[in-house]
All heavy atoms as atom14 arrays in JSON, in Angstrom:
{
  "sequence": "FATNGEHRPSFGASPEALLARQIVERGPAFEAMATVVIDVDDLTPD",
  "atom14_mask": [
    [1, 1, 1, 1, 1, 1, 1, 1, 1, 1, 1, 0, 0, 0],
    [1, 1, 1, 1, 1, 0, 0, 0, 0, 0, 0, 0, 0, 0],
    [1, 1, 1, 1, 1, 1, 1, 0, 0, 0, 0, 0, 0, 0],
    [1, 1, 1, 1, 1, 1, 1, 1, 0, 0, 0, 0, 0, 0],
    [1, 1, 1, 1, 0, 0, 0, 0, 0, 0, 0, 0, 0, 0],
    [1, 1, 1, 1, 1, 1, 1, 1, 1, 0, 0, 0, 0, 0],
    [1, 1, 1, 1, 1, 1, 1, 1, 1, 1, 0, 0, 0, 0],
    [1, 1, 1, 1, 1, 1, 1, 1, 1, 1, 1, 0, 0, 0],
    [1, 1, 1, 1, 1, 1, 1, 0, 0, 0, 0, 0, 0, 0],
    [1, 1, 1, 1, 1, 1, 0, 0, 0, 0, 0, 0, 0, 0],
    [1, 1, 1, 1, 1, 1, 1, 1, 1, 1, 1, 0, 0, 0],
    [1, 1, 1, 1, 0, 0, 0, 0, 0, 0, 0, 0, 0, 0],
    [1, 1, 1, 1, 1, 0, 0, 0, 0, 0, 0, 0, 0, 0],
    [1, 1, 1, 1, 1, 1, 0, 0, 0, 0, 0, 0, 0, 0],
    [1, 1, 1, 1, 1, 1, 1, 0, 0, 0, 0, 0, 0, 0],
    [1, 1, 1, 1, 1, 1, 1, 1, 1, 0, 0, 0, 0, 0],
    [1, 1, 1, 1, 1, 0, 0, 0, 0, 0, 0, 0, 0, 0],
    [1, 1, 1, 1, 1, 1, 1, 1, 0, 0, 0, 0, 0, 0],
    [1, 1, 1, 1, 1, 1, 1, 1, 0, 0, 0, 0, 0, 0],
    [1, 1, 1, 1, 1, 0, 0, 0, 0, 0, 0, 0, 0, 0],
    [1, 1, 1, 1, 1, 1, 1, 1, 1, 1, 1, 0, 0, 0],
    [1, 1, 1, 1, 1, 1, 1, 1, 1, 0, 0, 0, 0, 0],
    [1, 1, 1, 1, 1, 1, 1, 1, 0, 0, 0, 0, 0, 0],
    [1, 1, 1, 1, 1, 1, 1, 0, 0, 0, 0, 0, 0, 0],
    [1, 1, 1, 1, 1, 1, 1, 1, 1, 0, 0, 0, 0, 0],
    [1, 1, 1, 1, 1, 1, 1, 1, 1, 1, 1, 0, 0, 0],
    [1, 1, 1, 1, 0, 0, 0, 0, 0, 0, 0, 0, 0, 0],
    [1, 1, 1, 1, 1, 1, 1, 0, 0, 0, 0, 0, 0, 0],
    [1, 1, 1, 1, 1, 0, 0, 0, 0, 0, 0, 0, 0, 0],
    [1, 1, 1, 1, 1, 1, 1, 1, 1, 1, 1, 0, 0, 0],
    [1, 1, 1, 1, 1, 1, 1, 1, 1, 0, 0, 0, 0, 0],
    [1, 1, 1, 1, 1, 0, 0, 0, 0, 0, 0, 0, 0, 0],
    [1, 1, 1, 1, 1, 1, 1, 1, 0, 0, 0, 0, 0, 0],
    [1, 1, 1, 1, 1, 0, 0, 0, 0, 0, 0, 0, 0, 0],
    [1, 1, 1, 1, 1, 1, 1, 0, 0, 0, 0, 0, 0, 0],
    [1, 1, 1, 1, 1, 1, 1, 0, 0, 0, 0, 0, 0, 0],
    [1, 1, 1, 1, 1, 1, 1, 0, 0, 0, 0, 0, 0, 0],
    [1, 1, 1, 1, 1, 1, 1, 1, 0, 0, 0, 0, 0, 0],
    [1, 1, 1, 1, 1, 1, 1, 1, 0, 0, 0, 0, 0, 0],
    [1, 1, 1, 1, 1, 1, 1, 0, 0, 0, 0, 0, 0, 0],
    [1, 1, 1, 1, 1, 1, 1, 1, 0, 0, 0, 0, 0, 0],
    [1, 1, 1, 1, 1, 1, 1, 1, 0, 0, 0, 0, 0, 0],
    [1, 1, 1, 1, 1, 1, 1, 1, 0, 0, 0, 0, 0, 0],
    [1, 1, 1, 1, 1, 1, 1, 0, 0, 0, 0, 0, 0, 0],
    [1, 1, 1, 1, 1, 1, 1, 0, 0, 0, 0, 0, 0, 0],
    [1, 1, 1, 1, 1, 1, 1, 1, 0, 0, 0, 0, 0, 0]
  ],
  "atom14_positions": [
    [[-10.98, -25.0, -34.14], [-10.95, -23.55, -34.3], [-9.58, -23.11, -34.82], [-9.49, -22.2, -35.64], [-11.23, -22.85, -32.97], [-12.66, -22.92, -32.52], [-13.61, -23.68, -33.2], [-13.07, -22.23, -31.42], [-14.93, -23.74, -32.78], [-14.39, -22.28, -30.98], [-15.31, -23.04, -31.67], [0.0, 0.0, 0.0], [0.0, 0.0, 0.0], [0.0, 0.0, 0.0]],
    [[-8.53, -23.75, -34.34], [-7.17, -23.37, -34.75], [-6.93, -23.66, -36.22], [-6.22, -22.92, -36.89], [-6.15, -24.11, -33.89], [0.0, 0.0, 0.0], [0.0, 0.0, 0.0], [0.0, 0.0, 0.0], [0.0, 0.0, 0.0], [0.0, 0.0, 0.0], [0.0, 0.0, 0.0], [0.0, 0.0, 0.0], [0.0, 0.0, 0.0], [0.0, 0.0, 0.0]],
    [[-7.52, -24.74, -36.74], [-7.26, -25.11, -38.13], [-8.29, -24.56, -39.1], [-8.04, -24.53, -40.29], [-7.21, -26.65, -38.29], [-8.47, -27.2, -37.89], [-6.09, -27.24, -37.47], [0.0, 0.0, 0.0], [0.0, 0.0, 0.0], [0.0, 0.0, 0.0], [0.0, 0.0, 0.0], [0.0, 0.0, 0.0], [0.0, 0.0, 0.0], [0.0, 0.0, 0.0]],
    [[-9.45, -24.14, -38.6], [-10.5, -23.68, -39.5], [-11.24, -22.52, -38.86], [-12.46, -22.44, -38.93], [-11.48, -24.82, -39.81], [-12.46, -24.46, -40.9], [-12.25, -23.53, -41.65], [-13.56, -25.17, -40.96], [0.0, 0.0, 0.0], [0.0, 0.0, 0.0], [0.0, 0.0, 0.0], [0.0, 0.0, 0.0], [0.0, 0.0, 0.0], [0.0, 0.0, 0.0]],
    [[-10.5, -21.6, -38.25], [-11.16, -20.58, -37.47], [-11.04, -19.16, -37.97], [-11.31, -18.23, -37.23], [0.0, 0.0, 0.0], [0.0, 0.0, 0.0], [0.0, 0.0, 0.0], [0.0, 0.0, 0.0], [0.0, 0.0, 0.0], [0.0, 0.0, 0.0], [0.0, 0.0, 0.0], [0.0, 0.0, 0.0], [0.0, 0.0, 0.0], [0.0, 0.0, 0.0]],
    [[-10.64, -18.97, -39.22], [-10.45, -17.6, -39.69], [-11.73, -16.77, -39.7], [-11.69, -15.56, -39.63], [-9.78, -17.57, -41.08], [-10.54, -18.3, -42.17], [-10.26, -19.8, -42.23], [-9.36, -20.3, -41.55], [-10.99, -20.48, -42.96], [0.0, 0.0, 0.0], [0.0, 0.0, 0.0], [0.0, 0.0, 0.0], [0.0, 0.0, 0.0], [0.0, 0.0, 0.0]],
    [[-12.88, -17.43, -39.76], [-14.15, -16.7, -39.74], [-14.71, -16.54, -38.33], [-15.65, -15.79, -38.11], [-15.19, -17.4, -40.63], [-15.66, -18.71, -40.07], [-14.9, -19.85, -40.14], [-16.79, -19.04, -39.41], [-15.55, -20.84, -39.55], [-16.7, -20.39, -39.1], [0.0, 0.0, 0.0], [0.0, 0.0, 0.0], [0.0, 0.0, 0.0], [0.0, 0.0, 0.0]],
    [[-14.13, -17.22, -37.36], [-14.63, -17.18, -35.98], [-14.0, -16.02, -35.22], [-12.91, -15.58, -35.54], [-14.28, -18.47, -35.25], [-14.88, -19.7, -35.87], [-14.41, -20.94, -35.11], [-14.81, -22.16, -35.77], [-15.98, -22.77, -35.6], [-16.86, -22.24, -34.79], [-16.26, -23.87, -36.24], [0.0, 0.0, 0.0], [0.0, 0.0, 0.0], [0.0, 0.0, 0.0]],
    [[-14.68, -15.56, -34.16], [-14.05, -14.53, -33.33], [-12.81, -15.09, -32.65], [-12.68, -16.3, -32.49], [-15.12, -14.17, -32.3], [-16.17, -15.18, -32.41], [-15.99, -15.94, -33.69], [0.0, 0.0, 0.0], [0.0, 0.0, 0.0], [0.0, 0.0, 0.0], [0.0, 0.0, 0.0], [0.0, 0.0, 0.0], [0.0, 0.0, 0.0], [0.0, 0.0, 0.0]],
    [[-11.93, -14.22, -32.23], [-10.71, -14.66, -31.56], [-11.05, -15.16, -30.16], [-11.76, -14.51, -29.41], [-9.73, -13.49, -31.45], [-8.62, -13.88, -30.68], [0.0, 0.0, 0.0], [0.0, 0.0, 0.0], [0.0, 0.0, 0.0], [0.0, 0.0, 0.0], [0.0, 0.0, 0.0], [0.0, 0.0, 0.0], [0.0, 0.0, 0.0], [0.0, 0.0, 0.0]],
    [[-10.54, -16.33, -29.82], [-10.75, -16.88, -28.48], [-9.48, -16.76, -27.65], [-9.38, -17.36, -26.6], [-11.18, -18.35, -28.57], [-12.58, -18.53, -29.06], [-12.82, -19.08, -30.31], [-13.66, -18.15, -28.3], [-14.12, -19.25, -30.77], [-14.95, -18.31, -28.74], [-15.18, -18.87, -29.98], [0.0, 0.0, 0.0], [0.0, 0.0, 0.0], [0.0, 0.0, 0.0]],
    [[-8.5, -16.01, -28.13], [-7.27, -15.83, -27.38], [-6.32, -16.99, -27.56], [-6.48, -17.85, -28.41], [0.0, 0.0, 0.0], [0.0, 0.0, 0.0], [0.0, 0.0, 0.0], [0.0, 0.0, 0.0], [0.0, 0.0, 0.0], [0.0, 0.0, 0.0], [0.0, 0.0, 0.0], [0.0, 0.0, 0.0], [0.0, 0.0, 0.0], [0.0, 0.0, 0.0]],
    [[-5.32, -17.02, -26.69], [-4.25, -18.02, -26.8], [-4.72, -19.42, -26.43], [-4.15, -20.39, -26.88], [-3.08, -17.61, -25.91], [0.0, 0.0, 0.0], [0.0, 0.0, 0.0], [0.0, 0.0, 0.0], [0.0, 0.0, 0.0], [0.0, 0.0, 0.0], [0.0, 0.0, 0.0], [0.0, 0.0, 0.0], [0.0, 0.0, 0.0], [0.0, 0.0, 0.0]],
    [[-5.74, -19.52, -25.59], [-6.19, -20.84, -25.14], [-7.71, -20.97, -25.31], [-8.46, -20.83, -24.34], [-5.81, -21.06, -23.68], [-6.3, -22.31, -23.25], [0.0, 0.0, 0.0], [0.0, 0.0, 0.0], [0.0, 0.0, 0.0], [0.0, 0.0, 0.0], [0.0, 0.0, 0.0], [0.0, 0.0, 0.0], [0.0, 0.0, 0.0], [0.0, 0.0, 0.0]],
    [[-8.14, -21.25, -26.54], [-9.59, -21.4, -26.72], [-10.16, -22.57, -25.93], [-11.32, -22.54, -25.53], [-9.75, -21.62, -28.22], [-8.42, -22.05, -28.72], [-7.41, -21.45, -27.78], [0.0, 0.0, 0.0], [0.0, 0.0, 0.0], [0.0, 0.0, 0.0], [0.0, 0.0, 0.0], [0.0, 0.0, 0.0], [0.0, 0.0, 0.0], [0.0, 0.0, 0.0]],
    [[-9.34, -23.6, -25.64], [-9.83, -24.75, -24.89], [-10.33, -24.36, -23.51], [-11.34, -24.9, -23.04], [-8.75, -25.83, -24.77], [-8.37, -26.49, -26.08], [-7.31, -25.7, -26.85], [-6.82, -24.64, -26.37], [-6.96, -26.14, -27.94], [0.0, 0.0, 0.0], [0.0, 0.0, 0.0], [0.0, 0.0, 0.0], [0.0, 0.0, 0.0], [0.0, 0.0, 0.0]],
    [[-9.65, -23.42, -22.84], [-10.07, -23.0, -21.51], [-11.43, -22.3, -21.57], [-12.32, -22.58, -20.76], [-9.03, -22.08, -20.89], [0.0, 0.0, 0.0], [0.0, 0.0, 0.0], [0.0, 0.0, 0.0], [0.0, 0.0, 0.0], [0.0, 0.0, 0.0], [0.0, 0.0, 0.0], [0.0, 0.0, 0.0], [0.0, 0.0, 0.0], [0.0, 0.0, 0.0]],
    [[-11.61, -21.43, -22.54], [-12.89, -20.75, -22.72], [-13.99, -21.76, -23.05], [-15.08, -21.72, -22.48], [-12.8, -19.7, -23.82], [-14.14, -19.07, -24.23], [-14.74, -18.25, -23.1], [-13.96, -18.24, -25.48], [0.0, 0.0, 0.0], [0.0, 0.0, 0.0], [0.0, 0.0, 0.0], [0.0, 0.0, 0.0], [0.0, 0.0, 0.0], [0.0, 0.0, 0.0]],
    [[-13.69, -22.66, -23.97], [-14.68, -23.66, -24.38], [-15.04, -24.6, -23.24], [-16.22, -24.96, -23.08], [-14.16, -24.43, -25.59], [-14.01, -23.58, -26.85], [-13.13, -24.28, -27.87], [-15.37, -23.23, -27.44], [0.0, 0.0, 0.0], [0.0, 0.0, 0.0], [0.0, 0.0, 0.0], [0.0, 0.0, 0.0], [0.0, 0.0, 0.0], [0.0, 0.0, 0.0]],
    [[-14.07, -24.97, -22.42], [-14.35, -25.84, -21.26], [-15.27, -25.12, -20.28], [-16.23, -25.71, -19.76], [-13.04, -26.24, -20.58], [0.0, 0.0, 0.0], [0.0, 0.0, 0.0], [0.0, 0.0, 0.0], [0.0, 0.0, 0.0], [0.0, 0.0, 0.0], [0.0, 0.0, 0.0], [0.0, 0.0, 0.0], [0.0, 0.0, 0.0], [0.0, 0.0, 0.0]],
    [[-15.03, -23.84, -20.05], [-15.87, -23.04, -19.16], [-17.28, -22.92, -19.74], [-18.28, -23.05, -19.02], [-15.22, -21.68, -18.94], [-15.82, -20.89, -17.82], [-15.01, -19.63, -17.47], [-14.85, -18.73, -18.6], [-13.72, -18.53, -19.27], [-12.62, -19.16, -18.93], [-13.66, -17.69, -20.29], [0.0, 0.0, 0.0], [0.0, 0.0, 0.0], [0.0, 0.0, 0.0]],
    [[-17.37, -22.68, -21.04], [-18.68, -22.55, -21.67], [-19.47, -23.85, -21.61], [-20.69, -23.82, -21.43], [-18.53, -22.09, -23.12], [-18.15, -20.64, -23.24], [-18.0, -20.19, -24.68], [-17.78, -21.01, -25.58], [-18.12, -18.9, -24.91], [0.0, 0.0, 0.0], [0.0, 0.0, 0.0], [0.0, 0.0, 0.0], [0.0, 0.0, 0.0], [0.0, 0.0, 0.0]],
    [[-18.81, -24.98, -21.74], [-19.53, -26.25, -21.67], [-20.1, -26.46, -20.27], [-21.23, -26.93, -20.11], [-18.63, -27.42, -22.12], [-18.47, -27.33, -23.62], [-19.18, -28.76, -21.67], [-17.84, -28.48, -24.31], [0.0, 0.0, 0.0], [0.0, 0.0, 0.0], [0.0, 0.0, 0.0], [0.0, 0.0, 0.0], [0.0, 0.0, 0.0], [0.0, 0.0, 0.0]],
    [[-19.34, -26.09, -19.26], [-19.85, -26.21, -17.89], [-21.06, -25.28, -17.71], [-22.08, -25.68, -17.15], [-18.74, -25.87, -16.86], [-19.31, -25.69, -15.47], [-17.68, -26.95, -16.88], [0.0, 0.0, 0.0], [0.0, 0.0, 0.0], [0.0, 0.0, 0.0], [0.0, 0.0, 0.0], [0.0, 0.0, 0.0], [0.0, 0.0, 0.0], [0.0, 0.0, 0.0]],
    [[-20.95, -24.06, -18.21], [-22.03, -23.08, -18.05], [-23.24, -23.4, -18.9], [-24.38, -23.26, -18.46], [-21.52, -21.68, -18.41], [-20.46, -21.16, -17.45], [-19.76, -19.91, -17.97], [-20.03, -19.46, -19.11], [-18.89, -19.39, -17.23], [0.0, 0.0, 0.0], [0.0, 0.0, 0.0], [0.0, 0.0, 0.0], [0.0, 0.0, 0.0], [0.0, 0.0, 0.0]],
    [[-23.02, -23.83, -20.13], [-24.11, -24.03, -21.08], [-24.61, -25.46, -21.16], [-25.7, -25.72, -21.68], [-23.67, -23.59, -22.48], [-23.41, -22.1, -22.59], [-22.86, -21.76, -23.94], [-22.79, -20.33, -24.17], [-22.12, -19.76, -25.15], [-21.45, -20.52, -26.02], [-22.12, -18.45, -25.3], [0.0, 0.0, 0.0], [0.0, 0.0, 0.0], [0.0, 0.0, 0.0]],
    [[-23.83, -26.41, -20.66], [-24.19, -27.82, -20.77], [-25.59, -28.15, -20.31], [-26.33, -28.85, -21.03], [0.0, 0.0, 0.0], [0.0, 0.0, 0.0], [0.0, 0.0, 0.0], [0.0, 0.0, 0.0], [0.0, 0.0, 0.0], [0.0, 0.0, 0.0], [0.0, 0.0, 0.0], [0.0, 0.0, 0.0], [0.0, 0.0, 0.0], [0.0, 0.0, 0.0]],
    [[-26.01, -27.68, -19.14], [-27.37, -28.0, -18.7], [-28.46, -27.49, -19.66], [-29.45, -28.18, -19.89], [-27.48, -27.32, -17.33], [-26.06, -27.28, -16.83], [-25.24, -27.02, -18.07], [0.0, 0.0, 0.0], [0.0, 0.0, 0.0], [0.0, 0.0, 0.0], [0.0, 0.0, 0.0], [0.0, 0.0, 0.0], [0.0, 0.0, 0.0], [0.0, 0.0, 0.0]],
    [[-28.27, -26.33, -20.24], [-29.24, -25.81, -21.2], [-29.23, -26.64, -22.47], [-30.29, -26.94, -23.04], [-28.96, -24.34, -21.51], [0.0, 0.0, 0.0], [0.0, 0.0, 0.0], [0.0, 0.0, 0.0], [0.0, 0.0, 0.0], [0.0, 0.0, 0.0], [0.0, 0.0, 0.0], [0.0, 0.0, 0.0], [0.0, 0.0, 0.0], [0.0, 0.0, 0.0]],
    [[-28.04, -27.02, -22.94], [-27.96, -27.9, -24.11], [-28.7, -29.21, -23.83], [-29.48, -29.68, -24.66], [-26.51, -28.23, -24.46], [-25.75, -27.13, -25.14], [-24.49, -26.76, -24.68], [-26.25, -26.48, -26.25], [-23.76, -25.77, -25.31], [-25.54, -25.49, -26.9], [-24.29, -25.12, -26.42], [0.0, 0.0, 0.0], [0.0, 0.0, 0.0], [0.0, 0.0, 0.0]],
    [[-28.45, -29.8, -22.67], [-29.11, -31.06, -22.31], [-30.62, -30.91, -22.28], [-31.35, -31.79, -22.75], [-28.61, -31.55, -20.94], [-27.21, -32.08, -20.93], [-27.07, -33.48, -21.5], [-28.09, -34.17, -21.69], [-25.92, -33.88, -21.74], [0.0, 0.0, 0.0], [0.0, 0.0, 0.0], [0.0, 0.0, 0.0], [0.0, 0.0, 0.0], [0.0, 0.0, 0.0]],
    [[-31.11, -29.8, -21.73], [-32.55, -29.58, -21.61], [-33.22, -29.42, -22.96], [-34.36, -29.85, -23.15], [-32.82, -28.35, -20.74], [0.0, 0.0, 0.0], [0.0, 0.0, 0.0], [0.0, 0.0, 0.0], [0.0, 0.0, 0.0], [0.0, 0.0, 0.0], [0.0, 0.0, 0.0], [0.0, 0.0, 0.0], [0.0, 0.0, 0.0], [0.0, 0.0, 0.0]],
    [[-32.53, -28.81, -23.91], [-33.13, -28.54, -25.22], [-32.95, -29.66, -26.22], [-33.73, -29.79, -27.16], [-32.55, -27.25, -25.81], [-32.99, -26.01, -25.09], [-32.47, -24.51, -25.92], [-30.73, -24.74, -26.08], [0.0, 0.0, 0.0], [0.0, 0.0, 0.0], [0.0, 0.0, 0.0], [0.0, 0.0, 0.0], [0.0, 0.0, 0.0], [0.0, 0.0, 0.0]],
    [[-31.91, -30.46, -26.06], [-31.56, -31.45, -27.08], [-32.54, -32.61, -27.13], [-32.83, -33.23, -26.12], [-30.15, -31.96, -26.84], [0.0, 0.0, 0.0], [0.0, 0.0, 0.0], [0.0, 0.0, 0.0], [0.0, 0.0, 0.0], [0.0, 0.0, 0.0], [0.0, 0.0, 0.0], [0.0, 0.0, 0.0], [0.0, 0.0, 0.0], [0.0, 0.0, 0.0]],
    [[-33.04, -32.86, -28.31], [-33.83, -34.05, -28.58], [-32.89, -35.23, -28.8], [-33.19, -36.36, -28.43], [-34.68, -33.85, -29.85], [-35.37, -32.61, -29.75], [-35.66, -34.96, -30.05], [0.0, 0.0, 0.0], [0.0, 0.0, 0.0], [0.0, 0.0, 0.0], [0.0, 0.0, 0.0], [0.0, 0.0, 0.0], [0.0, 0.0, 0.0], [0.0, 0.0, 0.0]],
    [[-31.74, -34.93, -29.42], [-30.73, -35.92, -29.76], [-29.37, -35.33, -29.41], [-29.12, -34.15, -29.67], [-30.76, -36.24, -31.28], [-29.64, -37.17, -31.67], [-32.11, -36.81, -31.68], [0.0, 0.0, 0.0], [0.0, 0.0, 0.0], [0.0, 0.0, 0.0], [0.0, 0.0, 0.0], [0.0, 0.0, 0.0], [0.0, 0.0, 0.0], [0.0, 0.0, 0.0]],
    [[-28.5, -36.14, -28.83], [-27.12, -35.74, -28.55], [-26.21, -36.7, -29.31], [-26.33, -37.92, -29.18], [-26.79, -35.79, -27.05], [-25.33, -35.41, -26.81], [-27.72, -34.9, -26.25], [0.0, 0.0, 0.0], [0.0, 0.0, 0.0], [0.0, 0.0, 0.0], [0.0, 0.0, 0.0], [0.0, 0.0, 0.0], [0.0, 0.0, 0.0], [0.0, 0.0, 0.0]],
    [[-25.31, -36.12, -30.11], [-24.36, -36.93, -30.87], [-22.96, -36.46, -30.52], [-22.63, -35.28, -30.7], [-24.6, -36.81, -32.39], [-26.01, -37.31, -32.73], [-23.53, -37.59, -33.17], [-26.42, -37.09, -34.17], [0.0, 0.0, 0.0], [0.0, 0.0, 0.0], [0.0, 0.0, 0.0], [0.0, 0.0, 0.0], [0.0, 0.0, 0.0], [0.0, 0.0, 0.0]],
    [[-22.15, -37.38, -29.99], [-20.75, -37.07, -29.7], [-19.97, -37.16, -30.99], [-19.93, -38.21, -31.63], [-20.2, -38.03, -28.64], [-20.82, -37.77, -27.28], [-20.87, -36.6, -26.88], [-21.27, -38.73, -26.64], [0.0, 0.0, 0.0], [0.0, 0.0, 0.0], [0.0, 0.0, 0.0], [0.0, 0.0, 0.0], [0.0, 0.0, 0.0], [0.0, 0.0, 0.0]],
    [[-19.37, -36.05, -31.39], [-18.77, -35.95, -32.72], [-17.25, -35.9, -32.71], [-16.63, -35.72, -33.76], [-19.32, -34.71, -33.46], [-20.83, -34.81, -33.64], [-18.95, -33.41, -32.76], [0.0, 0.0, 0.0], [0.0, 0.0, 0.0], [0.0, 0.0, 0.0], [0.0, 0.0, 0.0], [0.0, 0.0, 0.0], [0.0, 0.0, 0.0], [0.0, 0.0, 0.0]],
    [[-16.63, -36.12, -31.55], [-15.18, -35.99, -31.44], [-14.4, -36.71, -32.52], [-13.48, -36.16, -33.1], [-14.7, -36.5, -30.07], [-15.17, -35.62, -28.93], [-15.32, -34.41, -29.12], [-15.39, -36.18, -27.84], [0.0, 0.0, 0.0], [0.0, 0.0, 0.0], [0.0, 0.0, 0.0], [0.0, 0.0, 0.0], [0.0, 0.0, 0.0], [0.0, 0.0, 0.0]],
    [[-14.75, -37.95, -32.78], [-13.97, -38.78, -33.69], [-14.69, -39.07, -35.0], [-14.33, -40.01, -35.71], [-13.61, -40.11, -33.0], [-12.79, -39.88, -31.74], [-11.88, -39.03, -31.77], [-13.08, -40.52, -30.72], [0.0, 0.0, 0.0], [0.0, 0.0, 0.0], [0.0, 0.0, 0.0], [0.0, 0.0, 0.0], [0.0, 0.0, 0.0], [0.0, 0.0, 0.0]],
    [[-15.68, -38.25, -35.32], [-16.47, -38.49, -36.53], [-16.09, -37.52, -37.64], [-15.79, -36.35, -37.39], [-17.96, -38.33, -36.23], [-18.55, -39.24, -35.16], [-20.03, -38.93, -34.97], [-18.34, -40.71, -35.51], [0.0, 0.0, 0.0], [0.0, 0.0, 0.0], [0.0, 0.0, 0.0], [0.0, 0.0, 0.0], [0.0, 0.0, 0.0], [0.0, 0.0, 0.0]],
    [[-16.15, -37.99, -38.87], [-16.0, -37.12, -40.03], [-17.31, -36.38, -40.24], [-18.36, -36.8, -39.73], [-15.67, -37.93, -41.29], [-16.83, -38.73, -41.62], [-14.45, -38.81, -41.11], [0.0, 0.0, 0.0], [0.0, 0.0, 0.0], [0.0, 0.0, 0.0], [0.0, 0.0, 0.0], [0.0, 0.0, 0.0], [0.0, 0.0, 0.0], [0.0, 0.0, 0.0]],
    [[-17.3, -35.31, -41.01], [-18.57, -34.63, -41.31], [-19.62, -35.56, -41.92], [-20.79, -35.49, -41.56], [-18.15, -33.52, -42.29], [-16.74, -33.2, -41.87], [-16.15, -34.54, -41.51], [0.0, 0.0, 0.0], [0.0, 0.0, 0.0], [0.0, 0.0, 0.0], [0.0, 0.0, 0.0], [0.0, 0.0, 0.0], [0.0, 0.0, 0.0], [0.0, 0.0, 0.0]],
    [[-19.21, -36.45, -42.81], [-20.17, -37.39, -43.41], [-20.75, -38.33, -42.36], [-21.94, -38.67, -42.41], [-19.52, -38.2, -44.53], [-19.27, -37.38, -45.78], [-19.9, -36.31, -45.94], [-18.45, -37.81, -46.61], [0.0, 0.0, 0.0], [0.0, 0.0, 0.0], [0.0, 0.0, 0.0], [0.0, 0.0, 0.0], [0.0, 0.0, 0.0], [0.0, 0.0, 0.0]]
  ]
}
């Protein structure tokens, strides 16, 4: 978000804290809906 976030809403000074909270809150719903889960932390877009 910090490097490519000009089109995103502002998440304040610490977007990681908001995102961590959202993952805890939304994670179970993501798990329930996902047919496939891909961890993308270290992957390029390709």
